Each structure stands twice: as C-alpha cells, then as structure tokens.
Amino acid sequence: MVETSRVAKWFLYAGVFNALFAVLITIPMVIPDNTAAEDLLRLAFAVAFFPGLYIIMGYLGFLIIGVAGSVAWGAAYYIVGATGKNETSKGLAMAHLLLATIGIYGAATFFFAGGYLGGIARLTGVVRTVEDAMALITWTVMPRMLFIAIAIMGSLIGVINLLKTARSKTA
C-alpha cells in the first residue's frame, strides 16, 4: 500500500516531465529552416503534406493524454485521498503510471515517425500521391495501435485502482 497523496505526486511529476518533453519536441517545428528538404528541421513543412498531419495528431495526443491526463490522474488520486481514503495499491498505481506512460510515448513516437516520413516523402517528391505515402508508412500502424492499447490498459488499471480505493473500508 502507498499513500494516495504520494501517487498523486508521481502523476503530477510525470505531467511536468511530459510538458518539458513537449517543449523540447516543439523546438524543431518552430525553428525556421533554409536548408535542404531532408533536414529534420523541415518538420513545419512536412506537416503541410498529408500524411505529415500525423505529426500534429501525435503531438496533440501527447499533450492531451501525456500532459493533461497525467495531471488529471494526479488530481483524481489527490481527491480520493482527501475523502479520507489515504492508501491505495502500490502495485496497481505503478502499473497504471508505467503502462500509461509507455503507451503514450510509444504511440506519439509512431505517429511522429509516420507523419515525418510520409510528409517528407511528399515534400521532396519521393512519392507523388497520398496513397503512395500511406503505403510508405503502413509499418507504423500496428505498433501505434499496440501502444494505444497499452495506454488504455494503464488507464483501466487506474480506474480499477481508484474505484478499489474509494470503496475501501479504511478511512
């Protein structure tokens, strides 16, 4: 067993770390670039060419689930603790945090990889059509779905843990 306030802190720290990481990965997208199209700093232009939009989808998902979601889970654990339920399962809380974090980082990575490769391929003329670009990035679909499933499992474990804690007889 672990104190709910401690678990709340874990999630708040994860949210802060994720926010700092989001700032780091934003930098290449906002720096102007005047070099060759193959440069990593061409992200801003890659987004304009579908499937480059997957970069934005992964980034927004990371902000919503990774940053805001971590903070919201921290608040949920804090609120349950404030009702007098001061202890929760350490194993379930750790599984929740680890699975949710691994899931969101993995899903965002594969969204980014597909968007970057497809967008740059369209931008440089390597592929001419959306269908060709989609064929180029199909390898990112299954890992992305696997990581989304891992994140969902982590969240379900969190829901179970919170419900178990809220229904516990100890005060």
N, C-alpha and C. Protein backbone atom coordinates (compact mmCIF):
# COMPACT_ATOMS: atom_id res chain seq x y z
N MET A 1 0.84 -1.19 0.00
CA MET A 1 0.00 0.00 0.00
C MET A 1 0.88 1.24 0.00
N VAL A 2 0.36 2.30 -0.57
CA VAL A 2 1.07 3.57 -0.64
C VAL A 2 0.05 4.69 -0.43
N GLU A 3 0.52 5.79 0.09
CA GLU A 3 -0.37 6.92 0.32
C GLU A 3 -0.87 7.49 -1.01
N THR A 4 -2.15 7.82 -1.05
CA THR A 4 -2.72 8.39 -2.28
C THR A 4 -2.06 9.72 -2.63
N SER A 5 -1.66 10.50 -1.63
CA SER A 5 -1.00 11.78 -1.92
C SER A 5 0.34 11.56 -2.60
N ARG A 6 1.00 10.46 -2.26
CA ARG A 6 2.29 10.15 -2.92
C ARG A 6 2.06 9.77 -4.38
N VAL A 7 1.04 8.97 -4.64
CA VAL A 7 0.71 8.59 -6.01
C VAL A 7 0.31 9.83 -6.81
N ALA A 8 -0.42 10.74 -6.18
CA ALA A 8 -0.80 11.99 -6.85
C ALA A 8 0.46 12.76 -7.27
N LYS A 9 1.45 12.78 -6.40
CA LYS A 9 2.72 13.46 -6.74
C LYS A 9 3.42 12.78 -7.91
N TRP A 10 3.39 11.45 -7.96
CA TRP A 10 4.01 10.74 -9.08
C TRP A 10 3.40 11.21 -10.40
N PHE A 11 2.08 11.29 -10.43
CA PHE A 11 1.41 11.69 -11.66
C PHE A 11 1.65 13.17 -11.99
N LEU A 12 1.70 14.00 -10.96
CA LEU A 12 1.99 15.42 -11.21
C LEU A 12 3.41 15.59 -11.74
N TYR A 13 4.37 14.86 -11.18
CA TYR A 13 5.74 14.91 -11.68
C TYR A 13 5.80 14.39 -13.12
N ALA A 14 5.06 13.34 -13.40
CA ALA A 14 5.01 12.82 -14.78
C ALA A 14 4.44 13.87 -15.72
N GLY A 15 3.40 14.59 -15.29
CA GLY A 15 2.82 15.65 -16.12
C GLY A 15 3.80 16.77 -16.38
N VAL A 16 4.56 17.16 -15.37
CA VAL A 16 5.57 18.22 -15.55
C VAL A 16 6.67 17.74 -16.49
N PHE A 17 7.15 16.51 -16.28
CA PHE A 17 8.18 15.95 -17.16
C PHE A 17 7.68 15.89 -18.61
N ASN A 18 6.45 15.43 -18.79
CA ASN A 18 5.87 15.35 -20.14
C ASN A 18 5.73 16.73 -20.77
N ALA A 19 5.38 17.73 -19.98
CA ALA A 19 5.27 19.10 -20.50
C ALA A 19 6.64 19.60 -20.95
N LEU A 20 7.67 19.34 -20.16
CA LEU A 20 9.02 19.75 -20.56
C LEU A 20 9.46 19.03 -21.82
N PHE A 21 9.13 17.75 -21.91
CA PHE A 21 9.45 16.99 -23.12
C PHE A 21 8.69 17.54 -24.32
N ALA A 22 7.45 17.93 -24.12
CA ALA A 22 6.65 18.51 -25.21
C ALA A 22 7.30 19.80 -25.72
N VAL A 23 7.83 20.60 -24.81
CA VAL A 23 8.53 21.83 -25.22
C VAL A 23 9.75 21.47 -26.05
N LEU A 24 10.50 20.46 -25.62
CA LEU A 24 11.70 20.04 -26.36
C LEU A 24 11.38 19.59 -27.77
N ILE A 25 10.31 18.81 -27.92
CA ILE A 25 9.99 18.32 -29.26
C ILE A 25 9.29 19.37 -30.12
N THR A 26 8.88 20.47 -29.51
CA THR A 26 8.27 21.55 -30.27
C THR A 26 9.33 22.39 -30.98
N ILE A 27 10.49 22.51 -30.38
CA ILE A 27 11.54 23.39 -30.90
C ILE A 27 11.85 23.14 -32.39
N PRO A 28 12.07 21.87 -32.83
CA PRO A 28 12.37 21.68 -34.26
C PRO A 28 11.24 22.11 -35.20
N MET A 29 10.00 22.16 -34.67
CA MET A 29 8.88 22.53 -35.54
C MET A 29 8.72 24.03 -35.70
N VAL A 30 9.33 24.81 -34.83
CA VAL A 30 9.13 26.26 -34.91
C VAL A 30 10.38 27.02 -35.35
N ILE A 31 11.50 26.33 -35.48
CA ILE A 31 12.72 26.99 -35.96
C ILE A 31 12.64 27.12 -37.47
N PRO A 32 12.80 28.33 -38.01
CA PRO A 32 12.80 28.49 -39.46
C PRO A 32 13.99 27.76 -40.07
N ASP A 33 13.80 27.25 -41.26
CA ASP A 33 14.85 26.46 -41.90
C ASP A 33 15.02 26.89 -43.36
N ASN A 34 16.22 27.06 -43.77
CA ASN A 34 16.52 27.44 -45.17
C ASN A 34 17.47 26.45 -45.81
N THR A 35 17.49 25.23 -45.32
CA THR A 35 18.42 24.24 -45.84
C THR A 35 17.69 23.20 -46.67
N ALA A 36 18.37 22.09 -46.96
CA ALA A 36 17.83 21.05 -47.82
C ALA A 36 16.57 20.43 -47.23
N ALA A 37 15.73 19.89 -48.12
CA ALA A 37 14.45 19.32 -47.70
C ALA A 37 14.61 18.10 -46.81
N GLU A 38 15.78 17.45 -46.82
CA GLU A 38 15.97 16.25 -46.00
C GLU A 38 16.23 16.57 -44.53
N ASP A 39 16.41 17.83 -44.19
CA ASP A 39 16.73 18.22 -42.82
C ASP A 39 15.59 17.93 -41.86
N LEU A 40 15.96 17.55 -40.66
CA LEU A 40 14.97 17.30 -39.61
C LEU A 40 14.17 18.55 -39.31
N LEU A 41 14.77 19.72 -39.48
CA LEU A 41 14.09 20.97 -39.15
C LEU A 41 13.03 21.37 -40.17
N ARG A 42 12.78 20.54 -41.14
CA ARG A 42 11.72 20.79 -42.10
C ARG A 42 10.37 20.26 -41.61
N LEU A 43 10.28 19.99 -40.33
CA LEU A 43 9.05 19.43 -39.78
C LEU A 43 7.85 20.31 -40.03
N ALA A 44 8.04 21.61 -39.91
CA ALA A 44 6.91 22.52 -40.11
C ALA A 44 6.34 22.37 -41.52
N PHE A 45 7.19 22.11 -42.49
CA PHE A 45 6.72 21.95 -43.86
C PHE A 45 6.20 20.55 -44.12
N ALA A 46 6.78 19.56 -43.45
CA ALA A 46 6.33 18.18 -43.61
C ALA A 46 4.89 18.03 -43.15
N VAL A 47 4.50 18.78 -42.14
CA VAL A 47 3.14 18.70 -41.60
C VAL A 47 2.12 19.12 -42.66
N ALA A 48 2.51 20.02 -43.53
CA ALA A 48 1.59 20.54 -44.54
C ALA A 48 1.24 19.50 -45.60
N PHE A 49 2.01 18.45 -45.72
CA PHE A 49 1.78 17.43 -46.73
C PHE A 49 1.27 16.16 -46.06
N PHE A 50 -0.02 15.83 -46.32
CA PHE A 50 -0.56 14.60 -45.75
C PHE A 50 0.29 13.45 -46.24
N PRO A 51 0.72 12.55 -45.40
CA PRO A 51 0.34 12.23 -44.04
C PRO A 51 1.17 12.92 -42.95
N GLY A 52 1.81 14.03 -43.27
CA GLY A 52 2.56 14.77 -42.26
C GLY A 52 1.69 15.23 -41.11
N LEU A 53 0.39 15.27 -41.34
CA LEU A 53 -0.56 15.66 -40.30
C LEU A 53 -0.52 14.72 -39.10
N TYR A 54 -0.01 13.51 -39.31
CA TYR A 54 0.13 12.58 -38.19
C TYR A 54 1.06 13.13 -37.12
N ILE A 55 1.99 13.99 -37.50
CA ILE A 55 2.86 14.63 -36.51
C ILE A 55 2.00 15.43 -35.53
N ILE A 56 1.09 16.22 -36.07
CA ILE A 56 0.21 17.03 -35.22
C ILE A 56 -0.70 16.14 -34.39
N MET A 57 -1.22 15.07 -34.98
CA MET A 57 -2.10 14.16 -34.24
C MET A 57 -1.34 13.53 -33.06
N GLY A 58 -0.12 13.10 -33.29
CA GLY A 58 0.68 12.52 -32.22
C GLY A 58 1.02 13.55 -31.15
N TYR A 59 1.33 14.76 -31.59
CA TYR A 59 1.70 15.82 -30.65
C TYR A 59 0.50 16.22 -29.78
N LEU A 60 -0.65 16.41 -30.40
CA LEU A 60 -1.85 16.77 -29.64
C LEU A 60 -2.26 15.63 -28.70
N GLY A 61 -2.15 14.41 -29.17
CA GLY A 61 -2.44 13.27 -28.30
C GLY A 61 -1.50 13.24 -27.11
N PHE A 62 -0.23 13.54 -27.35
CA PHE A 62 0.75 13.57 -26.27
C PHE A 62 0.40 14.67 -25.27
N LEU A 63 0.02 15.86 -25.78
CA LEU A 63 -0.34 16.95 -24.87
C LEU A 63 -1.59 16.63 -24.06
N ILE A 64 -2.60 16.07 -24.72
CA ILE A 64 -3.86 15.80 -24.03
C ILE A 64 -3.73 14.62 -23.07
N ILE A 65 -3.19 13.51 -23.53
CA ILE A 65 -3.10 12.32 -22.70
C ILE A 65 -1.87 12.35 -21.80
N GLY A 66 -0.72 12.70 -22.38
CA GLY A 66 0.53 12.65 -21.62
C GLY A 66 0.68 13.75 -20.60
N VAL A 67 0.31 14.97 -20.97
CA VAL A 67 0.48 16.09 -20.06
C VAL A 67 -0.78 16.31 -19.23
N ALA A 68 -1.86 16.67 -19.88
CA ALA A 68 -3.10 16.96 -19.15
C ALA A 68 -3.64 15.70 -18.46
N GLY A 69 -3.52 14.55 -19.10
CA GLY A 69 -4.00 13.31 -18.50
C GLY A 69 -3.24 12.95 -17.23
N SER A 70 -1.93 13.13 -17.25
CA SER A 70 -1.14 12.83 -16.05
C SER A 70 -1.53 13.75 -14.90
N VAL A 71 -1.72 15.01 -15.20
CA VAL A 71 -2.12 15.96 -14.17
C VAL A 71 -3.52 15.61 -13.65
N ALA A 72 -4.42 15.24 -14.55
CA ALA A 72 -5.79 14.87 -14.14
C ALA A 72 -5.77 13.62 -13.26
N TRP A 73 -4.95 12.62 -13.60
CA TRP A 73 -4.85 11.44 -12.75
C TRP A 73 -4.29 11.81 -11.39
N GLY A 74 -3.30 12.71 -11.36
CA GLY A 74 -2.77 13.18 -10.08
C GLY A 74 -3.86 13.83 -9.25
N ALA A 75 -4.69 14.65 -9.89
CA ALA A 75 -5.79 15.30 -9.18
C ALA A 75 -6.80 14.27 -8.68
N ALA A 76 -7.07 13.24 -9.49
CA ALA A 76 -8.02 12.21 -9.08
C ALA A 76 -7.52 11.46 -7.84
N TYR A 77 -6.25 11.10 -7.84
CA TYR A 77 -5.69 10.42 -6.66
C TYR A 77 -5.70 11.35 -5.45
N TYR A 78 -5.44 12.62 -5.66
CA TYR A 78 -5.45 13.59 -4.56
C TYR A 78 -6.87 13.72 -3.98
N ILE A 79 -7.86 13.81 -4.86
CA ILE A 79 -9.25 13.96 -4.41
C ILE A 79 -9.71 12.73 -3.63
N VAL A 80 -9.37 11.54 -4.12
CA VAL A 80 -9.74 10.32 -3.40
C VAL A 80 -9.06 10.30 -2.04
N GLY A 81 -7.80 10.74 -1.98
CA GLY A 81 -7.10 10.82 -0.70
C GLY A 81 -7.73 11.84 0.24
N ALA A 82 -8.24 12.93 -0.32
CA ALA A 82 -8.86 13.97 0.50
C ALA A 82 -10.18 13.52 1.12
N THR A 83 -10.78 12.47 0.57
CA THR A 83 -12.03 11.96 1.14
C THR A 83 -11.78 11.03 2.32
N GLY A 84 -10.50 10.87 2.66
CA GLY A 84 -10.17 10.03 3.81
C GLY A 84 -9.63 8.67 3.42
N LYS A 85 -9.62 8.35 2.15
CA LYS A 85 -9.06 7.08 1.67
C LYS A 85 -7.57 7.33 1.38
N ASN A 86 -6.76 7.21 2.42
CA ASN A 86 -5.36 7.64 2.35
C ASN A 86 -4.40 6.64 1.75
N GLU A 87 -4.82 5.40 1.52
CA GLU A 87 -3.92 4.40 0.98
C GLU A 87 -4.53 3.73 -0.23
N THR A 88 -3.66 3.42 -1.18
CA THR A 88 -4.08 2.74 -2.39
C THR A 88 -3.05 1.66 -2.72
N SER A 89 -3.34 0.82 -3.67
CA SER A 89 -2.44 -0.27 -4.04
C SER A 89 -1.22 0.29 -4.78
N LYS A 90 -0.05 0.02 -4.23
CA LYS A 90 1.18 0.50 -4.86
C LYS A 90 1.41 -0.19 -6.20
N GLY A 91 1.16 -1.49 -6.25
CA GLY A 91 1.36 -2.24 -7.49
C GLY A 91 0.47 -1.75 -8.62
N LEU A 92 -0.81 -1.55 -8.31
CA LEU A 92 -1.73 -1.05 -9.34
C LEU A 92 -1.37 0.37 -9.76
N ALA A 93 -0.99 1.21 -8.79
CA ALA A 93 -0.63 2.60 -9.11
C ALA A 93 0.61 2.64 -10.00
N MET A 94 1.61 1.82 -9.69
CA MET A 94 2.82 1.77 -10.51
C MET A 94 2.53 1.23 -11.91
N ALA A 95 1.72 0.16 -11.97
CA ALA A 95 1.34 -0.39 -13.27
C ALA A 95 0.59 0.65 -14.09
N HIS A 96 -0.31 1.37 -13.46
CA HIS A 96 -1.06 2.44 -14.11
C HIS A 96 -0.12 3.48 -14.70
N LEU A 97 0.77 4.00 -13.87
CA LEU A 97 1.70 5.05 -14.32
C LEU A 97 2.62 4.55 -15.43
N LEU A 98 3.21 3.38 -15.24
CA LEU A 98 4.17 2.87 -16.23
C LEU A 98 3.51 2.53 -17.56
N LEU A 99 2.39 1.81 -17.51
CA LEU A 99 1.72 1.43 -18.77
C LEU A 99 1.19 2.65 -19.51
N ALA A 100 0.59 3.58 -18.79
CA ALA A 100 0.07 4.78 -19.45
C ALA A 100 1.21 5.58 -20.08
N THR A 101 2.32 5.71 -19.37
CA THR A 101 3.45 6.49 -19.89
C THR A 101 4.10 5.81 -21.09
N ILE A 102 4.35 4.52 -20.97
CA ILE A 102 4.93 3.78 -22.10
C ILE A 102 4.00 3.85 -23.30
N GLY A 103 2.72 3.70 -23.07
CA GLY A 103 1.75 3.74 -24.16
C GLY A 103 1.72 5.07 -24.88
N ILE A 104 1.70 6.17 -24.13
CA ILE A 104 1.60 7.47 -24.79
C ILE A 104 2.89 7.83 -25.51
N TYR A 105 4.03 7.53 -24.92
CA TYR A 105 5.30 7.81 -25.59
C TYR A 105 5.46 6.97 -26.86
N GLY A 106 5.09 5.69 -26.77
CA GLY A 106 5.18 4.83 -27.93
C GLY A 106 4.24 5.26 -29.05
N ALA A 107 3.00 5.54 -28.70
CA ALA A 107 2.03 5.95 -29.71
C ALA A 107 2.46 7.27 -30.36
N ALA A 108 2.89 8.23 -29.56
CA ALA A 108 3.33 9.52 -30.11
C ALA A 108 4.53 9.34 -31.02
N THR A 109 5.45 8.45 -30.65
CA THR A 109 6.63 8.19 -31.47
C THR A 109 6.25 7.65 -32.84
N PHE A 110 5.34 6.69 -32.86
CA PHE A 110 4.97 6.10 -34.15
C PHE A 110 4.06 7.04 -34.97
N PHE A 111 3.25 7.86 -34.32
CA PHE A 111 2.52 8.90 -35.05
C PHE A 111 3.52 9.85 -35.70
N PHE A 112 4.51 10.27 -34.92
CA PHE A 112 5.53 11.19 -35.43
C PHE A 112 6.31 10.56 -36.58
N ALA A 113 6.74 9.31 -36.41
CA ALA A 113 7.53 8.65 -37.45
C ALA A 113 6.75 8.56 -38.75
N GLY A 114 5.49 8.13 -38.67
CA GLY A 114 4.67 8.04 -39.88
C GLY A 114 4.45 9.39 -40.52
N GLY A 115 4.14 10.39 -39.71
CA GLY A 115 3.90 11.73 -40.25
C GLY A 115 5.15 12.34 -40.86
N TYR A 116 6.28 12.17 -40.19
CA TYR A 116 7.53 12.73 -40.69
C TYR A 116 7.95 12.06 -42.00
N LEU A 117 7.96 10.73 -42.01
CA LEU A 117 8.39 10.03 -43.22
C LEU A 117 7.45 10.30 -44.39
N GLY A 118 6.15 10.23 -44.13
CA GLY A 118 5.20 10.48 -45.20
C GLY A 118 5.23 11.92 -45.68
N GLY A 119 5.30 12.87 -44.74
CA GLY A 119 5.33 14.29 -45.11
C GLY A 119 6.59 14.66 -45.87
N ILE A 120 7.74 14.19 -45.41
CA ILE A 120 9.00 14.48 -46.10
C ILE A 120 9.03 13.81 -47.47
N ALA A 121 8.50 12.59 -47.56
CA ALA A 121 8.46 11.90 -48.86
C ALA A 121 7.61 12.68 -49.85
N ARG A 122 6.49 13.22 -49.41
CA ARG A 122 5.66 14.04 -50.29
C ARG A 122 6.33 15.37 -50.61
N LEU A 123 6.96 15.98 -49.61
CA LEU A 123 7.61 17.28 -49.77
C LEU A 123 8.76 17.21 -50.77
N THR A 124 9.53 16.13 -50.72
CA THR A 124 10.70 16.00 -51.60
C THR A 124 10.36 15.37 -52.94
N GLY A 125 9.14 14.89 -53.10
CA GLY A 125 8.75 14.29 -54.37
C GLY A 125 9.09 12.82 -54.50
N VAL A 126 9.54 12.18 -53.43
CA VAL A 126 9.85 10.76 -53.45
C VAL A 126 8.58 9.97 -53.78
N VAL A 127 7.46 10.40 -53.22
CA VAL A 127 6.16 9.83 -53.58
C VAL A 127 5.28 10.97 -54.08
N ARG A 128 4.41 10.67 -55.00
CA ARG A 128 3.59 11.71 -55.61
C ARG A 128 2.17 11.76 -55.06
N THR A 129 1.66 10.63 -54.61
CA THR A 129 0.26 10.60 -54.19
C THR A 129 0.15 10.25 -52.70
N VAL A 130 -1.00 10.55 -52.15
CA VAL A 130 -1.27 10.20 -50.75
C VAL A 130 -1.23 8.69 -50.58
N GLU A 131 -1.75 7.96 -51.55
CA GLU A 131 -1.76 6.50 -51.46
C GLU A 131 -0.35 5.94 -51.37
N ASP A 132 0.58 6.50 -52.17
CA ASP A 132 1.97 6.05 -52.10
C ASP A 132 2.59 6.39 -50.75
N ALA A 133 2.29 7.57 -50.24
CA ALA A 133 2.81 7.97 -48.93
C ALA A 133 2.25 7.07 -47.84
N MET A 134 0.98 6.73 -47.93
CA MET A 134 0.38 5.85 -46.94
C MET A 134 1.00 4.45 -47.00
N ALA A 135 1.31 3.98 -48.21
CA ALA A 135 1.98 2.69 -48.34
C ALA A 135 3.36 2.73 -47.70
N LEU A 136 4.02 3.86 -47.76
CA LEU A 136 5.34 4.03 -47.18
C LEU A 136 5.30 3.95 -45.65
N ILE A 137 4.22 4.39 -45.04
CA ILE A 137 4.17 4.45 -43.57
C ILE A 137 3.27 3.39 -42.93
N THR A 138 2.82 2.41 -43.69
CA THR A 138 1.93 1.40 -43.11
C THR A 138 2.58 0.63 -41.97
N TRP A 139 3.89 0.53 -41.98
CA TRP A 139 4.59 -0.18 -40.91
C TRP A 139 4.41 0.49 -39.54
N THR A 140 3.98 1.74 -39.50
CA THR A 140 3.81 2.43 -38.22
C THR A 140 2.43 2.18 -37.59
N VAL A 141 1.51 1.61 -38.35
CA VAL A 141 0.13 1.47 -37.86
C VAL A 141 0.00 0.47 -36.72
N MET A 142 0.51 -0.74 -36.89
CA MET A 142 0.35 -1.77 -35.86
C MET A 142 1.07 -1.40 -34.56
N PRO A 143 2.33 -0.92 -34.61
CA PRO A 143 2.96 -0.51 -33.34
C PRO A 143 2.19 0.63 -32.65
N ARG A 144 1.68 1.55 -33.45
CA ARG A 144 0.91 2.67 -32.89
C ARG A 144 -0.33 2.15 -32.17
N MET A 145 -1.03 1.22 -32.78
CA MET A 145 -2.22 0.65 -32.15
C MET A 145 -1.86 -0.15 -30.89
N LEU A 146 -0.73 -0.86 -30.93
CA LEU A 146 -0.28 -1.61 -29.76
C LEU A 146 -0.01 -0.66 -28.59
N PHE A 147 0.67 0.45 -28.85
CA PHE A 147 0.96 1.40 -27.77
C PHE A 147 -0.30 2.10 -27.27
N ILE A 148 -1.25 2.34 -28.15
CA ILE A 148 -2.52 2.92 -27.71
C ILE A 148 -3.23 1.93 -26.79
N ALA A 149 -3.20 0.64 -27.15
CA ALA A 149 -3.82 -0.39 -26.31
C ALA A 149 -3.12 -0.46 -24.95
N ILE A 150 -1.80 -0.32 -24.92
CA ILE A 150 -1.05 -0.34 -23.65
C ILE A 150 -1.48 0.86 -22.79
N ALA A 151 -1.62 2.03 -23.40
CA ALA A 151 -2.05 3.22 -22.65
C ALA A 151 -3.46 3.03 -22.10
N ILE A 152 -4.34 2.45 -22.89
CA ILE A 152 -5.71 2.19 -22.43
C ILE A 152 -5.72 1.20 -21.27
N MET A 153 -4.88 0.15 -21.37
CA MET A 153 -4.79 -0.81 -20.26
C MET A 153 -4.31 -0.12 -19.00
N GLY A 154 -3.33 0.77 -19.13
CA GLY A 154 -2.85 1.52 -17.98
C GLY A 154 -3.95 2.36 -17.36
N SER A 155 -4.72 3.01 -18.20
CA SER A 155 -5.82 3.84 -17.68
C SER A 155 -6.90 3.00 -17.02
N LEU A 156 -7.21 1.85 -17.59
CA LEU A 156 -8.19 0.96 -16.97
C LEU A 156 -7.71 0.47 -15.61
N ILE A 157 -6.43 0.17 -15.50
CA ILE A 157 -5.86 -0.21 -14.20
C ILE A 157 -6.02 0.95 -13.22
N GLY A 158 -5.82 2.18 -13.69
CA GLY A 158 -6.00 3.36 -12.84
C GLY A 158 -7.44 3.50 -12.36
N VAL A 159 -8.38 3.28 -13.25
CA VAL A 159 -9.79 3.36 -12.87
C VAL A 159 -10.10 2.29 -11.82
N ILE A 160 -9.63 1.06 -12.05
CA ILE A 160 -9.86 -0.02 -11.09
C ILE A 160 -9.25 0.33 -9.73
N ASN A 161 -8.02 0.86 -9.76
CA ASN A 161 -7.34 1.22 -8.52
C ASN A 161 -8.09 2.31 -7.77
N LEU A 162 -8.53 3.33 -8.48
CA LEU A 162 -9.27 4.41 -7.82
C LEU A 162 -10.60 3.91 -7.25
N LEU A 163 -11.30 3.09 -8.00
CA LEU A 163 -12.57 2.54 -7.51
C LEU A 163 -12.35 1.65 -6.29
N LYS A 164 -11.30 0.83 -6.36
CA LYS A 164 -10.98 -0.03 -5.22
C LYS A 164 -10.66 0.81 -3.98
N THR A 165 -9.90 1.86 -4.19
CA THR A 165 -9.51 2.74 -3.09
C THR A 165 -10.73 3.47 -2.53
N ALA A 166 -11.56 3.99 -3.41
CA ALA A 166 -12.74 4.75 -2.98
C ALA A 166 -13.73 3.86 -2.23
N ARG A 167 -13.79 2.59 -2.58
CA ARG A 167 -14.74 1.67 -1.95
C ARG A 167 -14.17 0.98 -0.72
N SER A 168 -12.89 1.22 -0.43
CA SER A 168 -12.26 0.53 0.71
C SER A 168 -12.90 0.99 2.03
N LYS A 169 -12.85 0.12 3.02
CA LYS A 169 -13.47 0.41 4.31
C LYS A 169 -12.61 1.30 5.18
N THR A 170 -11.30 1.34 4.91
CA THR A 170 -10.41 2.14 5.75
C THR A 170 -10.60 3.63 5.49
N ALA A 171 -10.49 4.38 6.52
CA ALA A 171 -10.63 5.84 6.40
C ALA A 171 -9.43 6.53 6.94
